PDB file of N, CA and C in Angstrom:
ATOM      1  N   MET A   1     -42.804 -70.388  69.663  1.00  0.00           N
ATOM      2  CA  MET A   1     -43.651 -71.015  68.718  1.00  0.00           C
ATOM      3  C   MET A   1     -42.478 -72.183  68.215  1.00  0.00           C
ATOM      4  N   LYS A   2     -43.449 -72.757  67.718  1.00  0.00           N
ATOM      5  CA  LYS A   2     -41.852 -74.370  66.972  1.00  0.00           C
ATOM      6  C   LYS A   2     -42.127 -73.660  65.287  1.00  0.00           C
ATOM      7  N   PHE A   3     -41.006 -74.081  64.463  1.00  0.00           N
ATOM      8  CA  PHE A   3     -41.144 -73.927  63.173  1.00  0.00           C
ATOM      9  C   PHE A   3     -41.907 -74.451  62.562  1.00  0.00           C
ATOM     10  N   SER A   4     -42.493 -76.043  62.941  1.00  0.00           N
ATOM     11  CA  SER A   4     -44.018 -76.327  61.998  1.00  0.00           C
ATOM     12  C   SER A   4     -45.082 -75.501  62.230  1.00  0.00           C
ATOM     13  N   LYS A   5     -45.423 -74.923  63.447  1.00  0.00           N
ATOM     14  CA  LYS A   5     -46.223 -73.741  63.769  1.00  0.00           C
ATOM     15  C   LYS A   5     -46.549 -73.176  62.778  1.00  0.00           C
ATOM     16  N   ILE A   6     -44.882 -72.154  62.687  1.00  0.00           N
ATOM     17  CA  ILE A   6     -45.024 -70.624  62.243  1.00  0.00           C
ATOM     18  C   ILE A   6     -45.396 -71.479  60.073  1.00  0.00           C
ATOM     19  N   LEU A   7     -44.584 -72.447  59.710  1.00  0.00           N
ATOM     20  CA  LEU A   7     -44.834 -72.956  58.592  1.00  0.00           C
ATOM     21  C   LEU A   7     -46.542 -73.214  58.334  1.00  0.00           C
ATOM     22  N   LYS A   8     -47.310 -73.420  59.082  1.00  0.00           N
ATOM     23  CA  LYS A   8     -48.893 -73.525  59.157  1.00  0.00           C
ATOM     24  C   LYS A   8     -49.253 -72.481  58.968  1.00  0.00           C
ATOM     25  N   VAL A   9     -48.711 -71.391  60.043  1.00  0.00           N
ATOM     26  CA  VAL A   9     -49.637 -69.907  59.678  1.00  0.00           C
ATOM     27  C   VAL A   9     -49.269 -69.401  58.346  1.00  0.00           C
ATOM     28  N   ILE A  10     -48.365 -69.352  58.151  1.00  0.00           N
ATOM     29  CA  ILE A  10     -47.538 -69.216  56.519  1.00  0.00           C
ATOM     30  C   ILE A  10     -48.520 -69.781  55.447  1.00  0.00           C
ATOM     31  N   ALA A  11     -48.617 -71.071  55.839  1.00  0.00           N
ATOM     32  CA  ALA A  11     -49.370 -71.665  54.315  1.00  0.00           C
ATOM     33  C   ALA A  11     -51.116 -71.285  54.797  1.00  0.00           C
ATOM     34  N   VAL A  12     -51.557 -71.541  55.681  1.00  0.00           N
ATOM     35  CA  VAL A  12     -52.603 -70.239  55.417  1.00  0.00           C
ATOM     36  C   VAL A  12     -52.862 -69.129  55.436  1.00  0.00           C
ATOM     37  N   LEU A  13     -52.003 -68.229  55.507  1.00  0.00           N
ATOM     38  CA  LEU A  13     -51.867 -66.728  55.035  1.00  0.00           C
ATOM     39  C   LEU A  13     -51.953 -67.063  53.164  1.00  0.00           C
ATOM     40  N   VAL A  14     -51.110 -67.686  52.881  1.00  0.00           N
ATOM     41  CA  VAL A  14     -50.924 -67.822  50.963  1.00  0.00           C
ATOM     42  C   VAL A  14     -52.353 -68.421  50.793  1.00  0.00           C
ATOM     43  N   ALA A  15     -52.744 -69.522  51.797  1.00  0.00           N
ATOM     44  CA  ALA A  15     -53.937 -70.082  50.947  1.00  0.00           C
ATOM     45  C   ALA A  15     -55.115 -69.089  50.975  1.00  0.00           C
ATOM     46  N   ILE A  16     -55.183 -68.526  51.778  1.00  0.00           N
ATOM     47  CA  ILE A  16     -56.817 -67.171  51.687  1.00  0.00           C
ATOM     48  C   ILE A  16     -56.160 -66.114  50.636  1.00  0.00           C
ATOM     49  N   ALA A  17     -55.010 -65.847  50.826  1.00  0.00           N
ATOM     50  CA  ALA A  17     -54.644 -64.818  49.344  1.00  0.00           C
ATOM     51  C   ALA A  17     -54.846 -65.302  47.889  1.00  0.00           C
ATOM     52  N   GLY A  18     -53.877 -66.538  48.020  1.00  0.00           N
ATOM     53  CA  GLY A  18     -54.789 -67.349  46.913  1.00  0.00           C
ATOM     54  C   GLY A  18     -56.347 -67.418  46.582  1.00  0.00           C
ATOM     55  N   LEU A  19     -56.799 -67.695  47.190  1.00  0.00           N
ATOM     56  CA  LEU A  19     -58.297 -67.607  47.624  1.00  0.00           C
ATOM     57  C   LEU A  19     -58.858 -66.133  47.065  1.00  0.00           C
ATOM     58  N   PHE A  20     -58.023 -65.303  47.331  1.00  0.00           N
ATOM     59  CA  PHE A  20     -58.456 -63.795  47.481  1.00  0.00           C
ATOM     60  C   PHE A  20     -58.398 -63.453  45.462  1.00  0.00           C
ATOM     61  N   ALA A  21     -57.179 -63.979  45.490  1.00  0.00           N
ATOM     62  CA  ALA A  21     -56.475 -64.264  44.049  1.00  0.00           C
ATOM     63  C   ALA A  21     -57.537 -64.698  42.989  1.00  0.00           C
ATOM     64  N   ALA A  22     -57.853 -65.511  43.227  1.00  0.00           N
ATOM     65  CA  ALA A  22     -58.863 -66.184  42.575  1.00  0.00           C
ATOM     66  C   ALA A  22     -60.254 -65.703  42.538  1.00  0.00           C
ATOM     67  N   ALA A  23     -60.756 -65.413  43.679  1.00  0.00           N
ATOM     68  CA  ALA A  23     -62.306 -64.414  43.158  1.00  0.00           C
ATOM     69  C   ALA A  23     -61.813 -63.320  42.724  1.00  0.00           C
ATOM     70  N   TYR A  24     -60.894 -62.522  43.010  1.00  0.00           N
ATOM     71  CA  TYR A  24     -60.362 -61.399  41.886  1.00  0.00           C
ATOM     72  C   TYR A  24     -60.763 -61.433  40.307  1.00  0.00           C
ATOM     73  N   PHE A  25     -59.656 -62.491  39.791  1.00  0.00           N
ATOM     74  CA  PHE A  25     -59.820 -62.616  38.848  1.00  0.00           C
ATOM     75  C   PHE A  25     -60.991 -63.067  38.141  1.00  0.00           C
ATOM     76  N   ALA A  26     -61.944 -64.039  38.863  1.00  0.00           N
ATOM     77  CA  ALA A  26     -63.002 -64.736  38.038  1.00  0.00           C
ATOM     78  C   ALA A  26     -63.895 -63.393  38.051  1.00  0.00           C
ATOM     79  N   VAL A  27     -64.405 -62.310  38.898  1.00  0.00           N
ATOM     80  CA  VAL A  27     -64.596 -61.395  39.006  1.00  0.00           C
ATOM     81  C   VAL A  27     -64.623 -60.371  37.933  1.00  0.00           C
ATOM     82  N   LYS A  28     -63.416 -60.425  37.719  1.00  0.00           N
ATOM     83  CA  LYS A  28     -63.065 -59.234  36.432  1.00  0.00           C
ATOM     84  C   LYS A  28     -62.779 -59.921  35.595  1.00  0.00           C
ATOM     85  N   LYS A  29     -62.902 -61.292  34.912  1.00  0.00           N
ATOM     86  CA  LYS A  29     -63.231 -61.986  33.985  1.00  0.00           C
ATOM     87  C   LYS A  29     -64.676 -61.851  33.581  1.00  0.00           C
ATOM     88  N   ILE A  30     -65.912 -62.075  34.378  1.00  0.00           N
ATOM     89  CA  ILE A  30     -67.599 -61.762  34.215  1.00  0.00           C
ATOM     90  C   ILE A  30     -67.512 -60.411  34.066  1.00  0.00           C
ATOM     91  N   MET A  31     -67.066 -59.035  34.970  1.00  0.00           N
ATOM     92  CA  MET A  31     -67.966 -58.135  34.831  1.00  0.00           C
ATOM     93  C   MET A  31     -66.641 -57.203  33.518  1.00  0.00           C
ATOM     94  N   ASP A  32     -65.596 -57.796  32.889  1.00  0.00           N
ATOM     95  CA  ASP A  32     -65.016 -57.173  31.737  1.00  0.00           C
ATOM     96  C   ASP A  32     -65.289 -57.235  30.509  1.00  0.00           C
ATOM     97  N   ARG A  33     -66.569 -56.582  30.117  1.00  0.00           N
ATOM     98  CA  ARG A  33     -66.619 -56.817  28.587  1.00  0.00           C
ATOM     99  C   ARG A  33     -65.471 -55.707  28.158  1.00  0.00           C
ATOM    100  N   GLN A  34     -65.112 -56.480  27.064  1.00  0.00           N
ATOM    101  CA  GLN A  34     -64.708 -56.102  25.873  1.00  0.00           C
ATOM    102  C   GLN A  34     -65.087 -55.934  24.722  1.00  0.00           C
ATOM    103  N   GLU A  35     -64.958 -54.756  23.819  1.00  0.00           N
ATOM    104  CA  GLU A  35     -65.265 -54.778  22.747  1.00  0.00           C
ATOM    105  C   GLU A  35     -64.715 -55.330  21.907  1.00  0.00           C
ATOM    106  N   PRO A  36     -65.264 -55.788  20.726  1.00  0.00           N
ATOM    107  CA  PRO A  36     -63.794 -56.996  19.860  1.00  0.00           C
ATOM    108  C   PRO A  36     -63.535 -55.641  19.201  1.00  0.00           C
ATOM    109  N   GLU A  37     -61.940 -55.915  18.395  1.00  0.00           N
ATOM    110  CA  GLU A  37     -61.420 -55.194  17.939  1.00  0.00           C
ATOM    111  C   GLU A  37     -61.408 -55.740  16.579  1.00  0.00           C
ATOM    112  N   TYR A  38     -61.829 -54.636  15.907  1.00  0.00           N
ATOM    113  CA  TYR A  38     -61.932 -55.213  14.354  1.00  0.00           C
ATOM    114  C   TYR A  38     -61.155 -54.294  13.140  1.00  0.00           C
ATOM    115  N   PHE A  39     -60.075 -55.383  12.289  1.00  0.00           N
ATOM    116  CA  PHE A  39     -59.018 -54.808  11.780  1.00  0.00           C
ATOM    117  C   PHE A  39     -59.485 -54.814  10.303  1.00  0.00           C
ATOM    118  N   ASP A  40     -59.029 -53.941   9.593  1.00  0.00           N
ATOM    119  CA  ASP A  40     -59.044 -53.646   7.849  1.00  0.00           C
ATOM    120  C   ASP A  40     -58.294 -54.748   7.589  1.00  0.00           C
ATOM    121  N   ASP A  41     -58.234 -55.994   6.499  1.00  0.00           N
ATOM    122  CA  ASP A  41     -57.278 -56.350   5.387  1.00  0.00           C
ATOM    123  C   ASP A  41     -56.572 -55.557   4.929  1.00  0.00           C
ATOM    124  N   ASN A  42     -56.625 -54.865   4.356  1.00  0.00           N
ATOM    125  CA  ASN A  42     -55.463 -53.598   4.278  1.00  0.00           C
ATOM    126  C   ASN A  42     -54.458 -53.716   4.573  1.00  0.00           C
ATOM    127  N   ASP A  43     -54.723 -53.788   6.178  1.00  0.00           N
ATOM    128  CA  ASP A  43     -53.650 -53.817   7.052  1.00  0.00           C
ATOM    129  C   ASP A  43     -52.471 -54.923   6.858  1.00  0.00           C
ATOM    130  N   PHE A  44     -53.173 -55.722   6.286  1.00  0.00           N
ATOM    131  CA  PHE A  44     -52.519 -57.306   6.406  1.00  0.00           C
ATOM    132  C   PHE A  44     -51.667 -57.665   5.155  1.00  0.00           C
ATOM    133  N   PHE A  45     -52.890 -57.020   3.899  1.00  0.00           N
ATOM    134  CA  PHE A  45     -52.433 -57.855   2.744  1.00  0.00           C
ATOM    135  C   PHE A  45     -52.386 -56.927   1.576  1.00  0.00           C
ATOM    136  N   GLU A  46     -51.176 -56.666   1.009  1.00  0.00           N
ATOM    137  CA  GLU A  46     -50.727 -55.521   0.163  1.00  0.00           C
ATOM    138  C   GLU A  46     -51.412 -55.802  -1.176  1.00  0.00           C
ATOM    139  N   CYS A  47     -52.728 -55.570  -1.397  1.00  0.00           N
ATOM    140  CA  CYS A  47     -53.373 -55.936  -2.561  1.00  0.00           C
ATOM    141  C   CYS A  47     -54.786 -54.829  -2.524  1.00  0.00           C
ATOM    142  N   ASP A  48     -54.873 -54.536  -4.504  1.00  0.00           N
ATOM    143  CA  ASP A  48     -55.818 -53.155  -4.684  1.00  0.00           C
ATOM    144  C   ASP A  48     -57.651 -53.185  -4.466  1.00  0.00           C
ATOM    145  N   ASN A  49     -57.566 -54.846  -3.875  1.00  0.00           N
ATOM    146  CA  ASN A  49     -58.596 -55.643  -4.157  1.00  0.00           C
ATOM    147  C   ASN A  49     -59.533 -54.915  -5.513  1.00  0.00           C
ATOM    148  N   ASP A  50     -58.852 -54.713  -6.491  1.00  0.00           N
ATOM    149  CA  ASP A  50     -59.950 -55.118  -7.689  1.00  0.00           C
ATOM    150  C   ASP A  50     -60.001 -56.560  -8.565  1.00  0.00           C
ATOM    151  N   LEU A  51     -61.157 -56.952  -8.114  1.00  0.00           N
ATOM    152  CA  LEU A  51     -61.234 -58.323  -8.658  1.00  0.00           C
ATOM    153  C   LEU A  51     -61.510 -58.159 -10.037  1.00  0.00           C
ATOM    154  N   GLU A  52     -60.771 -59.249 -10.535  1.00  0.00           N
ATOM    155  CA  GLU A  52     -61.642 -59.208 -12.092  1.00  0.00           C
ATOM    156  C   GLU A  52     -62.808 -60.847 -11.907  1.00  0.00           C
ATOM    157  N   ILE A  53     -63.795 -60.092 -12.955  1.00  0.00           N
ATOM    158  CA  ILE A  53     -64.755 -61.279 -12.731  1.00  0.00           C
ATOM    159  C   ILE A  53     -65.063 -61.743 -14.182  1.00  0.00           C
ATOM    160  N   ILE A  54     -64.916 -63.321 -14.299  1.00  0.00           N
ATOM    161  CA  ILE A  54     -64.529 -64.115 -15.495  1.00  0.00           C
ATOM    162  C   ILE A  54     -66.055 -64.700 -15.631  1.00  0.00           C
ATOM    163  N   GLU A  55     -66.771 -64.489 -16.247  1.00  0.00           N
ATOM    164  CA  GLU A  55     -68.046 -65.248 -16.572  1.00  0.00           C
ATOM    165  C   GLU A  55     -67.595 -66.615 -17.727  1.00  0.00           C
ATOM    166  N   VAL A  56     -68.242 -67.723 -17.300  1.00  0.00           N
ATOM    167  CA  VAL A  56     -67.927 -69.251 -18.043  1.00  0.00           C
ATOM    168  C   VAL A  56     -69.611 -69.625 -18.403  1.00  0.00           C
ATOM    169  N   GLU A  57     -69.263 -69.420 -19.396  1.00  0.00           N
ATOM    170  CA  GLU A  57     -70.569 -70.369 -20.313  1.00  0.00           C
ATOM    171  C   GLU A  57     -70.873 -71.864 -20.494  1.00  0.00           C
ATOM    172  N   ASN A  58     -69.893 -72.324 -20.594  1.00  0.00           N
ATOM    173  CA  ASN A  58     -70.005 -74.079 -20.670  1.00  0.00           C
ATOM    174  C   ASN A  58     -69.385 -74.073 -19.254  1.00  0.00           C
ATOM    175  N   GLU A  59     -70.004 -74.467 -18.442  1.00  0.00           N
ATOM    176  CA  GLU A  59     -69.503 -74.568 -16.925  1.00  0.00           C
ATOM    177  C   GLU A  59     -70.200 -75.902 -16.595  1.00  0.00           C
ATOM    178  N   ALA A  60     -69.412 -77.235 -16.198  1.00  0.00           N
ATOM    179  CA  ALA A  60     -69.670 -78.688 -16.039  1.00  0.00           C
ATOM    180  C   ALA A  60     -70.770 -78.247 -14.753  1.00  0.00           C
ATOM    181  N   PRO A  61     -71.623 -78.997 -14.673  1.00  0.00           N
ATOM    182  CA  PRO A  61     -73.126 -78.932 -13.793  1.00  0.00           C
ATOM    183  C   PRO A  61     -72.167 -79.684 -12.140  1.00  0.00           C
ATOM    184  N   ALA A  62     -72.144 -79.146 -11.309  1.00  0.00           N
ATOM    185  CA  ALA A  62     -71.346 -79.565 -10.266  1.00  0.00           C
ATOM    186  C   ALA A  62     -71.735 -81.226  -9.647  1.00  0.00           C
ATOM    187  N   GLU A  63     -70.685 -81.913  -9.348  1.00  0.00           N
ATOM    188  CA  GLU A  63     -70.898 -82.998  -9.023  1.00  0.00           C
ATOM    189  C   GLU A  63     -71.859 -83.572  -7.598  1.00  0.00           C
ATOM    190  N   GLU A  64     -73.026 -84.065  -7.113  1.00  0.00           N
ATOM    191  CA  GLU A  64     -73.640 -84.228  -6.243  1.00  0.00           C
ATOM    192  C   GLU A  64     -73.060 -85.501  -5.657  1.00  0.00           C
ATOM    193  N   GLU A  65     -72.831 -85.261  -4.038  1.00  0.00           N
ATOM    194  CA  GLU A  65     -72.529 -86.520  -3.527  1.00  0.00           C
ATOM    195  C   GLU A  65     -73.289 -87.617  -3.314  1.00  0.00           C
ATOM    196  N   LYS A  66     -72.919 -89.021  -3.429  1.00  0.00           N
ATOM    197  CA  LYS A  66     -73.795 -89.617  -3.117  1.00  0.00           C
ATOM    198  C   LYS A  66     -74.170 -90.194  -1.878  1.00  0.00           C
ATOM    199  N   PRO A  67     -74.699 -90.553  -1.173  1.00  0.00           N
ATOM    200  CA  PRO A  67     -75.000 -90.977   0.516  1.00  0.00           C
ATOM    201  C   PRO A  67     -74.224 -92.244   0.442  1.00  0.00           C
ATOM    202  N   ALA A  68     -73.747 -91.915   1.536  1.00  0.00           N
ATOM    203  CA  ALA A  68     -72.483 -93.612   1.505  1.00  0.00           C
ATOM    204  C   ALA A  68     -73.742 -94.815   2.140  1.00  0.00           C
ATOM    205  N   PRO A  69     -73.741 -95.875   1.877  1.00  0.00           N
ATOM    206  CA  PRO A  69     -74.731 -96.902   1.937  1.00  0.00           C
ATOM    207  C   PRO A  69     -74.554 -97.368   2.945  1.00  0.00           C
ATOM    208  N   LYS A  70     -75.832 -97.693   3.656  1.00  0.00           N
ATOM    209  CA  LYS A  70     -75.642 -97.378   5.062  1.00  0.00           C
ATOM    210  C   LYS A  70     -75.257 -99.007   5.449  1.00  0.00           C
ATOM    211  N   LYS A  71     -74.747 -99.657   6.395  1.00  0.00           N
ATOM    212  CA  LYS A  71     -73.588-100.723   7.339  1.00  0.00           C
ATOM    213  C   LYS A  71     -74.852-101.362   7.551  1.00  0.00           C
ATOM    214  N   LYS A  72     -74.966-102.770   7.146  1.00  0.00           N
ATOM    215  CA  LYS A  72     -75.994-103.757   8.044  1.00  0.00           C
ATOM    216  C   LYS A  72     -75.099-104.028   9.334  1.00  0.00           C
ATOM    217  N   ALA A  73     -75.964-104.260  10.673  1.00  0.00           N
ATOM    218  CA  ALA A  73     -76.087-104.637  11.740  1.00  0.00           C
ATOM    219  C   ALA A  73     -75.114-105.892  11.668  1.00  0.00           C
ATOM    220  N   ALA A  74     -73.979-106.278  12.129  1.00  0.00           N
ATOM    221  CA  ALA A  74     -73.434-107.405  12.656  1.00  0.00           C
ATOM    222  C   ALA A  74     -74.372-107.819  13.422  1.00  0.00           C
ATOM    223  N   LYS A  75     -74.365-109.720  12.958  1.00  0.00           N
ATOM    224  CA  LYS A  75     -75.176-110.377  14.042  1.00  0.00           C
ATOM    225  C   LYS A  75     -74.176-110.551  15.403  1.00  0.00           C
ATOM    226  N   LYS A  76     -74.842-110.848  16.582  1.00  0.00           N
ATOM    227  CA  LYS A  76     -74.185-111.118  17.744  1.00  0.00           C
ATOM    228  C   LYS A  76     -74.416-112.952  17.947  1.00  0.00           C
ATOM    229  N   ASP A  77     -73.288-113.450  18.032  1.00  0.00           N
ATOM    230  CA  ASP A  77     -73.445-114.911  18.462  1.00  0.00           C
ATOM    231  C   ASP A  77     -73.792-114.939  19.591  1.00  0.00           C
ATOM    232  N   ALA A  78     -74.936-115.655  20.134  1.00  0.00           N
ATOM    233  CA  ALA A  78     -74.740-115.980  21.577  1.00  0.00           C
ATOM    234  C   ALA A  78     -74.867-117.307  21.773  1.00  0.00           C
ATOM    235  N   GLU A  79     -73.774-117.322  22.949  1.00  0.00           N
ATOM    236  CA  GLU A  79     -73.281-118.478  23.586  1.00  0.00           C
ATOM    237  C   GLU A  79     -73.447-118.692  24.889  1.00  0.00           C
TER     238      GLU A  79
END
């Protein structure tokens, strides 16, 4: 056998192995359903979660957003 023929055989075997690996990971990703991992906020932040509620009597009304004016369509010059 020539050296180039040996390299072609090795390349075919590597390509077949790549296809099997791709199929394996695709099936594994589709079939493997993991449960979501929930975290407790107290694990990350040092706080006592005792929030103080402050009532405000004279609160300013919230500003309503005005819709932006519609732009007029530009006239196209037919030349």
